[in-house]
Amino acid sequence: MYSSFKRGIIEGIKEKLPGALAHQIMLPTHRDSTFRFPEFAEAPVKSAVLLLFYPNDDGIVKFPLIQRPTYSGAHSGQISLPGGKRDESDRDLIHTALREAQEEIGISPESVEIGGCLTDLYIAVSNYIVTPVIGFSEKKPQFLIDPYEVESVIETNLSALFDPFCRKNGTVMAGGKFKIQTPYFEIENKIIWGATAMMLSELCMVAEFSGLIKN
């Protein structure tokens, strides 16, 4: 099951990626009238996240999401993928994704086989441009959480994202300040919206086009 899933995803991302079409499905539709995007003079900050697939103890293929701690920033408490901005010492954005995943949840870079990348996504509220990196591990990682960066790890299987009861539309609070009407995924009573939901939407489309998920 894991091997066939891995082959399907790798082959799927070699094809033309659905990119903006997939992102649009989970794009927020309405924001509080007082909300304003910040204005940035600088070029977008390059960053990367890691979508790491591995077989769980019961053989089901899973990947980790993380919940950010509560703080005063724009992404307080949000569900996301492990990752962050590129350091000057990083060789490339794949190295960024692996380094950040190691720092945040203890994933060993040596255990990860890179399968490719999904479409870059610009996040206007923080002026980040994010590269989603696809990785595979033959074994379930032993998660080691950095409590400053991560509150908890949520192990997720891709098929859950196709459950019609998982895909919803409603109001969420952004940074504890603004109400946003948006599509979202709900996994284990956790709301996944915004950039993370948009990246997962593209992953879902790749999986469906590859025949891994019959929807």
N, C-alpha and C. Protein backbone atom coordinates (compact mmCIF):
# COMPACT_ATOMS: atom_id res chain seq x y z
N MET A 1 0.84 -1.21 0.00
CA MET A 1 0.00 0.00 0.00
C MET A 1 0.87 1.26 0.00
N TYR A 2 1.85 1.31 0.90
CA TYR A 2 2.74 2.48 0.97
C TYR A 2 3.52 2.65 -0.32
N SER A 3 4.08 1.54 -0.84
CA SER A 3 4.89 1.62 -2.05
C SER A 3 4.09 2.11 -3.24
N SER A 4 2.87 1.62 -3.40
CA SER A 4 2.04 2.04 -4.53
C SER A 4 1.60 3.50 -4.37
N PHE A 5 1.33 3.89 -3.13
CA PHE A 5 0.98 5.28 -2.86
C PHE A 5 2.15 6.19 -3.23
N LYS A 6 3.33 5.81 -2.79
CA LYS A 6 4.54 6.59 -3.07
C LYS A 6 4.75 6.75 -4.57
N ARG A 7 4.65 5.64 -5.31
CA ARG A 7 4.82 5.70 -6.77
C ARG A 7 3.80 6.62 -7.40
N GLY A 8 2.55 6.53 -6.94
CA GLY A 8 1.49 7.34 -7.51
C GLY A 8 1.70 8.83 -7.30
N ILE A 9 2.11 9.21 -6.09
CA ILE A 9 2.34 10.62 -5.80
C ILE A 9 3.52 11.14 -6.61
N ILE A 10 4.61 10.39 -6.67
CA ILE A 10 5.79 10.82 -7.42
C ILE A 10 5.46 11.00 -8.89
N GLU A 11 4.73 10.04 -9.45
CA GLU A 11 4.34 10.16 -10.85
C GLU A 11 3.38 11.33 -11.05
N GLY A 12 2.49 11.54 -10.08
CA GLY A 12 1.50 12.61 -10.19
C GLY A 12 2.12 13.99 -10.22
N ILE A 13 3.15 14.21 -9.41
CA ILE A 13 3.75 15.54 -9.36
C ILE A 13 4.72 15.78 -10.51
N LYS A 14 5.00 14.72 -11.28
CA LYS A 14 5.80 14.91 -12.49
C LYS A 14 4.96 15.50 -13.62
N GLU A 15 3.63 15.32 -13.50
CA GLU A 15 2.73 15.87 -14.51
C GLU A 15 2.53 17.37 -14.26
N LYS A 16 1.78 18.01 -15.13
CA LYS A 16 1.48 19.43 -14.94
C LYS A 16 0.64 19.59 -13.68
N LEU A 17 1.14 20.38 -12.74
CA LEU A 17 0.46 20.53 -11.46
C LEU A 17 -0.77 21.43 -11.60
N PRO A 18 -1.84 21.15 -10.82
CA PRO A 18 -3.06 21.95 -10.93
C PRO A 18 -2.93 23.35 -10.33
N GLY A 19 -1.96 23.57 -9.45
CA GLY A 19 -1.62 24.88 -8.94
C GLY A 19 -2.79 25.77 -8.55
N ALA A 20 -2.92 26.91 -9.24
CA ALA A 20 -3.92 27.92 -8.89
C ALA A 20 -5.34 27.36 -8.90
N LEU A 21 -5.63 26.43 -9.80
CA LEU A 21 -6.96 25.83 -9.86
C LEU A 21 -7.29 25.14 -8.54
N ALA A 22 -6.34 24.37 -8.02
CA ALA A 22 -6.55 23.67 -6.75
C ALA A 22 -6.58 24.64 -5.58
N HIS A 23 -5.70 25.65 -5.62
CA HIS A 23 -5.66 26.63 -4.54
C HIS A 23 -6.98 27.39 -4.42
N GLN A 24 -7.58 27.69 -5.56
CA GLN A 24 -8.81 28.49 -5.59
C GLN A 24 -9.94 27.81 -4.82
N ILE A 25 -9.94 26.49 -4.80
CA ILE A 25 -11.02 25.74 -4.14
C ILE A 25 -11.09 26.07 -2.66
N MET A 26 -9.94 26.29 -2.02
CA MET A 26 -9.91 26.54 -0.58
C MET A 26 -9.54 27.99 -0.24
N LEU A 27 -9.68 28.87 -1.21
CA LEU A 27 -9.35 30.28 -1.00
C LEU A 27 -10.43 30.95 -0.15
N PRO A 28 -10.02 31.69 0.91
CA PRO A 28 -11.02 32.45 1.69
C PRO A 28 -11.86 33.34 0.78
N THR A 29 -13.16 33.44 1.09
CA THR A 29 -14.09 34.13 0.20
C THR A 29 -14.48 35.52 0.68
N HIS A 30 -14.37 35.78 1.98
CA HIS A 30 -14.78 37.09 2.49
C HIS A 30 -14.04 37.38 3.79
N ARG A 31 -13.59 38.63 3.91
CA ARG A 31 -12.87 39.05 5.11
C ARG A 31 -13.62 40.18 5.80
N ASP A 32 -13.42 40.27 7.11
CA ASP A 32 -13.92 41.39 7.91
C ASP A 32 -13.57 42.71 7.19
N SER A 33 -14.51 43.63 7.16
CA SER A 33 -14.29 44.89 6.43
C SER A 33 -13.14 45.72 6.99
N THR A 34 -12.76 45.45 8.25
CA THR A 34 -11.65 46.20 8.86
C THR A 34 -10.29 45.58 8.54
N PHE A 35 -10.31 44.40 7.91
CA PHE A 35 -9.04 43.72 7.60
C PHE A 35 -8.34 44.39 6.44
N ARG A 36 -7.04 44.59 6.56
CA ARG A 36 -6.23 45.12 5.48
C ARG A 36 -4.94 44.30 5.39
N PHE A 37 -4.58 43.91 4.16
CA PHE A 37 -3.30 43.24 3.98
C PHE A 37 -2.17 44.23 4.25
N PRO A 38 -1.12 43.79 4.93
CA PRO A 38 0.04 44.69 5.12
C PRO A 38 0.68 45.03 3.78
N GLU A 39 1.34 46.18 3.75
CA GLU A 39 2.08 46.57 2.55
C GLU A 39 3.56 46.30 2.78
N PHE A 40 4.17 45.59 1.83
CA PHE A 40 5.57 45.20 1.95
C PHE A 40 6.37 45.79 0.81
N ALA A 41 7.49 46.41 1.14
CA ALA A 41 8.38 46.94 0.11
C ALA A 41 9.37 45.89 -0.36
N GLU A 42 9.62 44.89 0.50
CA GLU A 42 10.61 43.88 0.19
C GLU A 42 10.03 42.77 -0.69
N ALA A 43 10.92 42.06 -1.36
CA ALA A 43 10.52 40.87 -2.12
C ALA A 43 10.00 39.81 -1.15
N PRO A 44 9.12 38.92 -1.61
CA PRO A 44 8.61 37.87 -0.72
C PRO A 44 9.74 37.03 -0.11
N VAL A 45 9.52 36.61 1.13
CA VAL A 45 10.48 35.77 1.84
C VAL A 45 10.31 34.33 1.37
N LYS A 46 11.39 33.71 0.90
CA LYS A 46 11.31 32.33 0.44
C LYS A 46 11.23 31.39 1.65
N SER A 47 10.34 30.43 1.56
CA SER A 47 10.15 29.48 2.66
C SER A 47 9.68 28.15 2.09
N ALA A 48 9.63 27.15 2.95
CA ALA A 48 9.23 25.81 2.50
C ALA A 48 8.59 25.04 3.64
N VAL A 49 7.69 24.14 3.29
CA VAL A 49 7.08 23.23 4.26
C VAL A 49 7.28 21.80 3.77
N LEU A 50 7.17 20.86 4.68
CA LEU A 50 7.37 19.45 4.34
C LEU A 50 6.07 18.67 4.50
N LEU A 51 5.68 18.01 3.41
CA LEU A 51 4.59 17.04 3.42
C LEU A 51 5.24 15.66 3.44
N LEU A 52 5.31 15.05 4.61
CA LEU A 52 6.04 13.79 4.78
C LEU A 52 5.07 12.63 4.93
N PHE A 53 5.14 11.69 4.00
CA PHE A 53 4.30 10.50 4.05
C PHE A 53 5.07 9.32 4.62
N TYR A 54 4.39 8.52 5.43
CA TYR A 54 5.02 7.35 6.05
C TYR A 54 3.93 6.33 6.38
N PRO A 55 4.29 5.04 6.45
CA PRO A 55 3.31 4.04 6.85
C PRO A 55 3.18 4.01 8.37
N ASN A 56 1.96 4.11 8.85
CA ASN A 56 1.72 4.01 10.29
C ASN A 56 1.84 2.56 10.75
N ASP A 57 1.73 2.33 12.04
CA ASP A 57 1.88 0.97 12.59
C ASP A 57 0.86 0.00 11.99
N ASP A 58 -0.31 0.52 11.61
CA ASP A 58 -1.35 -0.34 11.03
C ASP A 58 -1.29 -0.37 9.50
N GLY A 59 -0.23 0.22 8.93
CA GLY A 59 -0.04 0.17 7.48
C GLY A 59 -0.69 1.30 6.71
N ILE A 60 -1.45 2.15 7.38
CA ILE A 60 -2.10 3.27 6.71
C ILE A 60 -1.07 4.38 6.48
N VAL A 61 -1.09 4.96 5.28
CA VAL A 61 -0.15 6.04 4.96
C VAL A 61 -0.65 7.34 5.59
N LYS A 62 0.24 7.98 6.34
CA LYS A 62 -0.12 9.21 7.04
C LYS A 62 0.90 10.30 6.78
N PHE A 63 0.54 11.53 7.18
CA PHE A 63 1.47 12.65 7.15
C PHE A 63 1.17 13.55 8.35
N PRO A 64 2.18 14.26 8.87
CA PRO A 64 1.94 15.09 10.05
C PRO A 64 1.58 16.53 9.73
N LEU A 65 0.55 17.00 10.40
CA LEU A 65 0.26 18.42 10.50
C LEU A 65 0.66 18.86 11.91
N ILE A 66 0.87 20.16 12.08
CA ILE A 66 1.20 20.65 13.41
C ILE A 66 0.25 21.77 13.79
N GLN A 67 0.01 21.91 15.10
CA GLN A 67 -0.73 23.06 15.60
C GLN A 67 0.26 24.04 16.21
N ARG A 68 0.20 25.28 15.75
CA ARG A 68 1.08 26.31 16.28
C ARG A 68 0.59 26.75 17.67
N PRO A 69 1.51 27.16 18.53
CA PRO A 69 1.09 27.69 19.84
C PRO A 69 0.32 28.99 19.69
N THR A 70 -0.36 29.39 20.74
CA THR A 70 -1.07 30.67 20.75
C THR A 70 -0.07 31.78 21.05
N TYR A 71 -0.06 32.78 20.18
CA TYR A 71 0.82 33.93 20.38
C TYR A 71 0.18 35.14 19.71
N SER A 72 0.87 36.26 19.63
CA SER A 72 0.25 37.49 19.14
C SER A 72 0.32 37.65 17.62
N GLY A 73 0.90 36.70 16.91
CA GLY A 73 1.09 36.82 15.48
C GLY A 73 -0.10 36.39 14.66
N ALA A 74 0.05 36.54 13.33
CA ALA A 74 -1.05 36.27 12.40
C ALA A 74 -1.43 34.80 12.34
N HIS A 75 -0.49 33.90 12.65
CA HIS A 75 -0.75 32.47 12.50
C HIS A 75 -0.94 31.76 13.85
N SER A 76 -1.30 32.52 14.86
CA SER A 76 -1.50 31.98 16.20
C SER A 76 -2.49 30.83 16.22
N GLY A 77 -2.07 29.69 16.78
CA GLY A 77 -2.95 28.55 16.97
C GLY A 77 -3.35 27.81 15.71
N GLN A 78 -2.86 28.23 14.57
CA GLN A 78 -3.30 27.61 13.32
C GLN A 78 -2.68 26.22 13.10
N ILE A 79 -3.38 25.43 12.30
CA ILE A 79 -2.87 24.13 11.88
C ILE A 79 -2.07 24.34 10.59
N SER A 80 -0.88 23.79 10.55
CA SER A 80 -0.02 24.00 9.38
C SER A 80 0.82 22.77 9.13
N LEU A 81 1.65 22.85 8.12
CA LEU A 81 2.67 21.85 7.85
C LEU A 81 3.98 22.32 8.48
N PRO A 82 4.83 21.39 8.93
CA PRO A 82 6.12 21.84 9.47
C PRO A 82 6.93 22.57 8.41
N GLY A 83 7.54 23.67 8.80
CA GLY A 83 8.32 24.44 7.83
C GLY A 83 8.55 25.85 8.29
N GLY A 84 9.22 26.64 7.46
CA GLY A 84 9.53 28.02 7.79
C GLY A 84 10.37 28.66 6.73
N LYS A 85 10.93 29.81 7.06
CA LYS A 85 11.66 30.59 6.05
C LYS A 85 13.06 30.03 5.81
N ARG A 86 13.55 30.32 4.62
CA ARG A 86 14.88 29.86 4.23
C ARG A 86 15.96 30.64 4.97
N ASP A 87 16.94 29.94 5.51
CA ASP A 87 18.11 30.56 6.09
C ASP A 87 19.17 30.75 5.01
N GLU A 88 20.06 31.71 5.23
CA GLU A 88 21.14 31.94 4.27
C GLU A 88 22.02 30.71 4.10
N SER A 89 22.12 29.89 5.14
CA SER A 89 22.98 28.70 5.09
C SER A 89 22.32 27.52 4.40
N ASP A 90 21.01 27.60 4.12
CA ASP A 90 20.32 26.49 3.46
C ASP A 90 20.77 26.36 2.01
N ARG A 91 21.03 25.13 1.59
CA ARG A 91 21.48 24.90 0.20
C ARG A 91 20.38 25.25 -0.79
N ASP A 92 19.15 24.90 -0.44
CA ASP A 92 17.99 25.15 -1.30
C ASP A 92 16.75 25.04 -0.44
N LEU A 93 15.58 25.13 -1.07
CA LEU A 93 14.34 25.10 -0.30
C LEU A 93 13.99 23.71 0.21
N ILE A 94 14.49 22.68 -0.44
CA ILE A 94 14.33 21.33 0.09
C ILE A 94 15.08 21.22 1.42
N HIS A 95 16.27 21.77 1.46
CA HIS A 95 17.05 21.78 2.70
C HIS A 95 16.31 22.57 3.78
N THR A 96 15.67 23.67 3.38
CA THR A 96 14.88 24.47 4.33
C THR A 96 13.77 23.63 4.95
N ALA A 97 13.01 22.93 4.10
CA ALA A 97 11.89 22.12 4.60
C ALA A 97 12.38 21.03 5.55
N LEU A 98 13.48 20.37 5.19
CA LEU A 98 14.01 19.30 6.04
C LEU A 98 14.55 19.85 7.36
N ARG A 99 15.26 20.96 7.29
CA ARG A 99 15.83 21.56 8.50
C ARG A 99 14.71 21.99 9.46
N GLU A 100 13.71 22.67 8.92
CA GLU A 100 12.61 23.15 9.75
C GLU A 100 11.83 21.98 10.37
N ALA A 101 11.61 20.92 9.60
CA ALA A 101 10.88 19.76 10.13
C ALA A 101 11.68 19.08 11.24
N GLN A 102 13.00 19.08 11.10
CA GLN A 102 13.83 18.51 12.16
C GLN A 102 13.77 19.38 13.42
N GLU A 103 13.85 20.69 13.23
CA GLU A 103 13.83 21.59 14.39
C GLU A 103 12.48 21.58 15.10
N GLU A 104 11.39 21.50 14.32
CA GLU A 104 10.06 21.64 14.91
C GLU A 104 9.52 20.34 15.48
N ILE A 105 9.71 19.22 14.75
CA ILE A 105 9.10 17.96 15.23
C ILE A 105 10.07 16.78 15.20
N GLY A 106 11.37 17.05 15.06
CA GLY A 106 12.37 16.00 15.24
C GLY A 106 12.53 15.02 14.10
N ILE A 107 12.09 15.37 12.89
CA ILE A 107 12.23 14.45 11.75
C ILE A 107 13.68 14.48 11.27
N SER A 108 14.28 13.31 11.16
CA SER A 108 15.67 13.21 10.70
C SER A 108 15.73 13.39 9.19
N PRO A 109 16.49 14.36 8.69
CA PRO A 109 16.58 14.56 7.24
C PRO A 109 17.08 13.31 6.51
N GLU A 110 17.95 12.54 7.16
CA GLU A 110 18.51 11.34 6.52
C GLU A 110 17.46 10.27 6.27
N SER A 111 16.34 10.35 6.97
CA SER A 111 15.29 9.33 6.83
C SER A 111 14.29 9.68 5.73
N VAL A 112 14.46 10.85 5.10
CA VAL A 112 13.47 11.35 4.15
C VAL A 112 13.97 11.23 2.72
N GLU A 113 13.15 10.61 1.87
CA GLU A 113 13.40 10.58 0.43
C GLU A 113 12.52 11.63 -0.22
N ILE A 114 13.13 12.54 -0.95
CA ILE A 114 12.38 13.62 -1.58
C ILE A 114 11.73 13.13 -2.87
N GLY A 115 10.43 13.41 -3.01
CA GLY A 115 9.70 12.99 -4.20
C GLY A 115 9.46 14.11 -5.20
N GLY A 116 9.59 15.36 -4.75
CA GLY A 116 9.34 16.49 -5.62
C GLY A 116 8.67 17.61 -4.85
N CYS A 117 8.06 18.54 -5.55
CA CYS A 117 7.44 19.71 -4.93
C CYS A 117 6.09 20.00 -5.58
N LEU A 118 5.20 20.58 -4.79
CA LEU A 118 3.96 21.11 -5.33
C LEU A 118 4.18 22.57 -5.75
N THR A 119 3.12 23.25 -6.15
CA THR A 119 3.21 24.61 -6.66
C THR A 119 3.49 25.61 -5.54
N ASP A 120 4.39 26.55 -5.80
CA ASP A 120 4.65 27.62 -4.83
C ASP A 120 3.36 28.40 -4.56
N LEU A 121 3.24 28.87 -3.32
CA LEU A 121 2.05 29.61 -2.91
C LEU A 121 2.47 30.89 -2.18
N TYR A 122 1.93 32.02 -2.62
CA TYR A 122 2.24 33.29 -1.98
C TYR A 122 1.24 33.56 -0.86
N ILE A 123 1.76 33.94 0.32
CA ILE A 123 0.92 34.25 1.48
C ILE A 123 1.02 35.76 1.72
N ALA A 124 -0.05 36.48 1.37
CA ALA A 124 -0.01 37.94 1.36
C ALA A 124 0.13 38.53 2.76
N VAL A 125 -0.47 37.89 3.76
CA VAL A 125 -0.48 38.48 5.10
C VAL A 125 0.91 38.53 5.73
N SER A 126 1.80 37.65 5.28
CA SER A 126 3.15 37.61 5.86
C SER A 126 4.25 37.86 4.83
N ASN A 127 3.86 38.03 3.55
CA ASN A 127 4.81 38.25 2.46
C ASN A 127 5.79 37.07 2.31
N TYR A 128 5.27 35.87 2.49
CA TYR A 128 6.06 34.65 2.29
C TYR A 128 5.63 34.00 0.99
N ILE A 129 6.58 33.39 0.29
CA ILE A 129 6.25 32.51 -0.81
C ILE A 129 6.73 31.11 -0.41
N VAL A 130 5.80 30.18 -0.38
CA VAL A 130 6.05 28.87 0.23
C VAL A 130 6.14 27.78 -0.83
N THR A 131 7.18 26.96 -0.74
CA THR A 131 7.33 25.78 -1.59
C THR A 131 6.96 24.54 -0.78
N PRO A 132 5.89 23.82 -1.15
CA PRO A 132 5.55 22.58 -0.46
C PRO A 132 6.41 21.42 -1.00
N VAL A 133 7.24 20.85 -0.16
CA VAL A 133 8.15 19.76 -0.53
C VAL A 133 7.53 18.43 -0.12
N ILE A 134 7.51 17.48 -1.06
CA ILE A 134 6.97 16.15 -0.79
C ILE A 134 8.10 15.21 -0.40
N GLY A 135 7.93 14.52 0.74
CA GLY A 135 8.94 13.56 1.19
C GLY A 135 8.30 12.25 1.62
N PHE A 136 9.13 11.22 1.70
CA PHE A 136 8.67 9.89 2.09
C PHE A 136 9.64 9.29 3.10
N SER A 137 9.09 8.60 4.09
CA SER A 137 9.89 7.89 5.08
C SER A 137 9.39 6.46 5.17
N GLU A 138 10.31 5.51 5.17
CA GLU A 138 9.91 4.10 5.21
C GLU A 138 9.34 3.70 6.56
N LYS A 139 9.65 4.50 7.60
CA LYS A 139 9.16 4.20 8.95
C LYS A 139 8.48 5.43 9.54
N LYS A 140 7.58 5.18 10.47
CA LYS A 140 6.94 6.27 11.18
C LYS A 140 7.99 7.03 11.99
N PRO A 141 8.04 8.36 11.87
CA PRO A 141 9.01 9.13 12.64
C PRO A 141 8.73 9.08 14.14
N GLN A 142 9.78 9.26 14.92
CA GLN A 142 9.63 9.46 16.35
C GLN A 142 9.60 10.97 16.58
N PHE A 143 8.41 11.50 16.74
CA PHE A 143 8.27 12.95 16.81
C PHE A 143 8.84 13.51 18.11
N LEU A 144 9.62 14.56 17.97
CA LEU A 144 10.20 15.28 19.10
C LEU A 144 9.83 16.74 18.91
N ILE A 145 8.86 17.21 19.70
CA ILE A 145 8.27 18.53 19.49
C ILE A 145 9.07 19.63 20.18
N ASP A 146 9.31 20.71 19.44
CA ASP A 146 9.84 21.93 20.03
C ASP A 146 8.64 22.73 20.55
N PRO A 147 8.44 22.83 21.86
CA PRO A 147 7.22 23.47 22.39
C PRO A 147 7.12 24.95 22.07
N TYR A 148 8.22 25.59 21.72
CA TYR A 148 8.17 27.00 21.34
C TYR A 148 7.52 27.17 19.96
N GLU A 149 7.71 26.16 19.09
CA GLU A 149 7.21 26.23 17.72
C GLU A 149 5.91 25.46 17.51
N VAL A 150 5.71 24.40 18.31
CA VAL A 150 4.63 23.44 18.04
C VAL A 150 3.90 23.08 19.33
N GLU A 151 2.59 23.12 19.26
CA GLU A 151 1.79 22.69 20.40
C GLU A 151 1.51 21.19 20.35
N SER A 152 1.21 20.68 19.14
CA SER A 152 0.92 19.25 19.00
C SER A 152 1.09 18.82 17.55
N VAL A 153 1.24 17.51 17.35
CA VAL A 153 1.31 16.90 16.03
C VAL A 153 -0.01 16.17 15.77
N ILE A 154 -0.56 16.35 14.58
CA ILE A 154 -1.80 15.69 14.19
C ILE A 154 -1.48 14.77 13.02
N GLU A 155 -1.49 13.47 13.26
CA GLU A 155 -1.22 12.50 12.20
C GLU A 155 -2.49 12.34 11.35
N THR A 156 -2.35 12.54 10.07
CA THR A 156 -3.48 12.63 9.15
C THR A 156 -3.31 11.67 7.99
N ASN A 157 -4.40 11.06 7.52
CA ASN A 157 -4.31 10.29 6.28
C ASN A 157 -5.04 11.03 5.17
N LEU A 158 -4.52 10.89 3.99
CA LEU A 158 -5.01 11.67 2.85
C LEU A 158 -6.47 11.41 2.57
N SER A 159 -6.91 10.17 2.74
CA SER A 159 -8.30 9.84 2.42
C SER A 159 -9.28 10.63 3.27
N ALA A 160 -8.86 11.04 4.48
CA ALA A 160 -9.75 11.83 5.34
C ALA A 160 -10.11 13.16 4.70
N LEU A 161 -9.21 13.70 3.89
CA LEU A 161 -9.46 14.99 3.26
C LEU A 161 -10.54 14.91 2.18
N PHE A 162 -10.85 13.69 1.73
CA PHE A 162 -11.89 13.49 0.72
C PHE A 162 -13.26 13.20 1.33
N ASP A 163 -13.31 13.03 2.65
CA ASP A 163 -14.58 12.81 3.32
C ASP A 163 -15.43 14.07 3.19
N PRO A 164 -16.63 13.97 2.62
CA PRO A 164 -17.46 15.18 2.44
C PRO A 164 -17.78 15.88 3.76
N PHE A 165 -17.77 15.13 4.86
CA PHE A 165 -18.03 15.75 6.17
C PHE A 165 -16.81 16.51 6.69
N CYS A 166 -15.66 16.29 6.04
CA CYS A 166 -14.43 16.98 6.42
C CYS A 166 -14.31 18.34 5.76
N ARG A 167 -14.95 18.50 4.61
CA ARG A 167 -14.85 19.75 3.85
C ARG A 167 -16.04 20.64 4.18
N LYS A 168 -15.74 21.81 4.72
CA LYS A 168 -16.80 22.68 5.21
C LYS A 168 -16.53 24.12 4.78
N ASN A 169 -17.48 24.98 5.09
CA ASN A 169 -17.34 26.40 4.82
C ASN A 169 -17.92 27.14 6.01
N GLY A 170 -17.17 28.09 6.54
CA GLY A 170 -17.66 28.81 7.70
C GLY A 170 -16.76 29.97 8.07
N THR A 171 -16.95 30.50 9.26
CA THR A 171 -16.21 31.66 9.73
C THR A 171 -15.09 31.22 10.67
N VAL A 172 -13.90 31.72 10.42
CA VAL A 172 -12.77 31.47 11.31
C VAL A 172 -12.22 32.82 11.77
N MET A 173 -11.46 32.78 12.87
CA MET A 173 -10.81 33.98 13.38
C MET A 173 -9.35 33.97 12.96
N ALA A 174 -8.92 35.03 12.33
CA ALA A 174 -7.53 35.17 11.89
C ALA A 174 -6.76 35.98 12.93
N GLY A 175 -5.74 35.35 13.53
CA GLY A 175 -4.92 36.04 14.52
C GLY A 175 -5.70 36.53 15.71
N GLY A 176 -6.88 35.94 15.95
CA GLY A 176 -7.70 36.35 17.08
C GLY A 176 -8.34 37.72 16.91
N LYS A 177 -8.29 38.26 15.68
CA LYS A 177 -8.75 39.64 15.47
C LYS A 177 -9.84 39.77 14.42
N PHE A 178 -9.70 39.03 13.32
CA PHE A 178 -10.57 39.26 12.16
C PHE A 178 -11.36 38.00 11.82
N LYS A 179 -12.62 38.22 11.44
CA LYS A 179 -13.45 37.12 10.99
C LYS A 179 -13.27 36.94 9.49
N ILE A 180 -13.08 35.68 9.09
CA ILE A 180 -12.89 35.37 7.67
C ILE A 180 -13.83 34.24 7.29
N GLN A 181 -14.57 34.42 6.22
CA GLN A 181 -15.42 33.36 5.68
C GLN A 181 -14.58 32.56 4.71
N THR A 182 -14.52 31.26 4.91
CA THR A 182 -13.59 30.47 4.11
C THR A 182 -13.99 29.00 4.07
N PRO A 183 -13.65 28.31 2.97
CA PRO A 183 -13.70 26.85 2.99
C PRO A 183 -12.59 26.34 3.92
N TYR A 184 -12.80 25.17 4.48
CA TYR A 184 -11.75 24.59 5.33
C TYR A 184 -11.95 23.08 5.45
N PHE A 185 -10.88 22.42 5.85
CA PHE A 185 -10.95 21.01 6.23
C PHE A 185 -11.10 20.94 7.75
N GLU A 186 -11.86 19.97 8.23
CA GLU A 186 -11.93 19.72 9.67
C GLU A 186 -11.44 18.31 9.95
N ILE A 187 -10.31 18.21 10.65
CA ILE A 187 -9.70 16.93 10.99
C ILE A 187 -9.55 16.86 12.50
N GLU A 188 -10.14 15.82 13.10
CA GLU A 188 -10.06 15.64 14.55
C GLU A 188 -10.45 16.92 15.29
N ASN A 189 -11.53 17.52 14.83
CA ASN A 189 -12.07 18.75 15.42
C ASN A 189 -11.12 19.94 15.30
N LYS A 190 -10.15 19.85 14.40
CA LYS A 190 -9.23 20.94 14.14
C LYS A 190 -9.55 21.55 12.78
N ILE A 191 -9.56 22.87 12.69
CA ILE A 191 -9.88 23.57 11.45
C ILE A 191 -8.59 23.89 10.70
N ILE A 192 -8.53 23.43 9.44
CA ILE A 192 -7.37 23.65 8.58
C ILE A 192 -7.81 24.55 7.43
N TRP A 193 -7.31 25.77 7.42
CA TRP A 193 -7.77 26.73 6.42
C TRP A 193 -6.58 27.53 5.89
N GLY A 194 -6.88 28.45 4.98
CA GLY A 194 -5.83 29.33 4.47
C GLY A 194 -4.81 28.59 3.62
N ALA A 195 -3.55 29.00 3.75
CA ALA A 195 -2.49 28.47 2.89
C ALA A 195 -2.35 26.96 3.01
N THR A 196 -2.45 26.44 4.23
CA THR A 196 -2.30 24.99 4.41
C THR A 196 -3.40 24.24 3.69
N ALA A 197 -4.64 24.71 3.82
CA ALA A 197 -5.76 24.07 3.11
C ALA A 197 -5.58 24.15 1.61
N MET A 198 -5.04 25.26 1.12
CA MET A 198 -4.83 25.42 -0.32
C MET A 198 -3.77 24.45 -0.84
N MET A 199 -2.71 24.25 -0.06
CA MET A 199 -1.68 23.27 -0.45
C MET A 199 -2.24 21.85 -0.40
N LEU A 200 -3.03 21.55 0.62
CA LEU A 200 -3.63 20.22 0.72
C LEU A 200 -4.64 19.99 -0.40
N SER A 201 -5.29 21.05 -0.85
CA SER A 201 -6.22 20.94 -1.98
C SER A 201 -5.48 20.49 -3.23
N GLU A 202 -4.29 21.05 -3.45
CA GLU A 202 -3.51 20.62 -4.61
C GLU A 202 -3.06 19.18 -4.45
N LEU A 203 -2.65 18.80 -3.25
CA LEU A 203 -2.26 17.41 -3.00
C LEU A 203 -3.43 16.48 -3.31
N CYS A 204 -4.62 16.84 -2.87
CA CYS A 204 -5.81 16.02 -3.14
C CYS A 204 -6.04 15.86 -4.63
N MET A 205 -5.88 16.95 -5.37
CA MET A 205 -6.12 16.89 -6.81
C MET A 205 -5.09 16.00 -7.50
N VAL A 206 -3.84 16.10 -7.06
CA VAL A 206 -2.78 15.23 -7.62
C VAL A 206 -3.10 13.76 -7.32
N ALA A 207 -3.51 13.48 -6.10
CA ALA A 207 -3.85 12.10 -5.72
C ALA A 207 -5.03 11.57 -6.52
N GLU A 208 -6.00 12.42 -6.76
CA GLU A 208 -7.19 12.01 -7.52
C GLU A 208 -6.83 11.77 -8.97
N PHE A 209 -6.05 12.67 -9.58
CA PHE A 209 -5.64 12.52 -10.96
C PHE A 209 -4.76 11.28 -11.14
N SER A 210 -4.03 10.90 -10.10
CA SER A 210 -3.14 9.74 -10.15
C SER A 210 -3.88 8.44 -9.90
N GLY A 211 -5.17 8.51 -9.59
CA GLY A 211 -5.96 7.31 -9.33
C GLY A 211 -5.77 6.73 -7.95
N LEU A 212 -5.11 7.48 -7.04
CA LEU A 212 -4.88 6.97 -5.69
C LEU A 212 -6.14 7.06 -4.85
N ILE A 213 -6.98 8.02 -5.17
CA ILE A 213 -8.23 8.23 -4.44
C ILE A 213 -9.35 8.24 -5.46
N LYS A 214 -10.36 7.43 -5.22
CA LYS A 214 -11.54 7.43 -6.09
C LYS A 214 -12.57 8.34 -5.45
N ASN A 215 -12.83 9.48 -6.08
CA ASN A 215 -13.73 10.46 -5.49
C ASN A 215 -15.00 10.60 -6.33
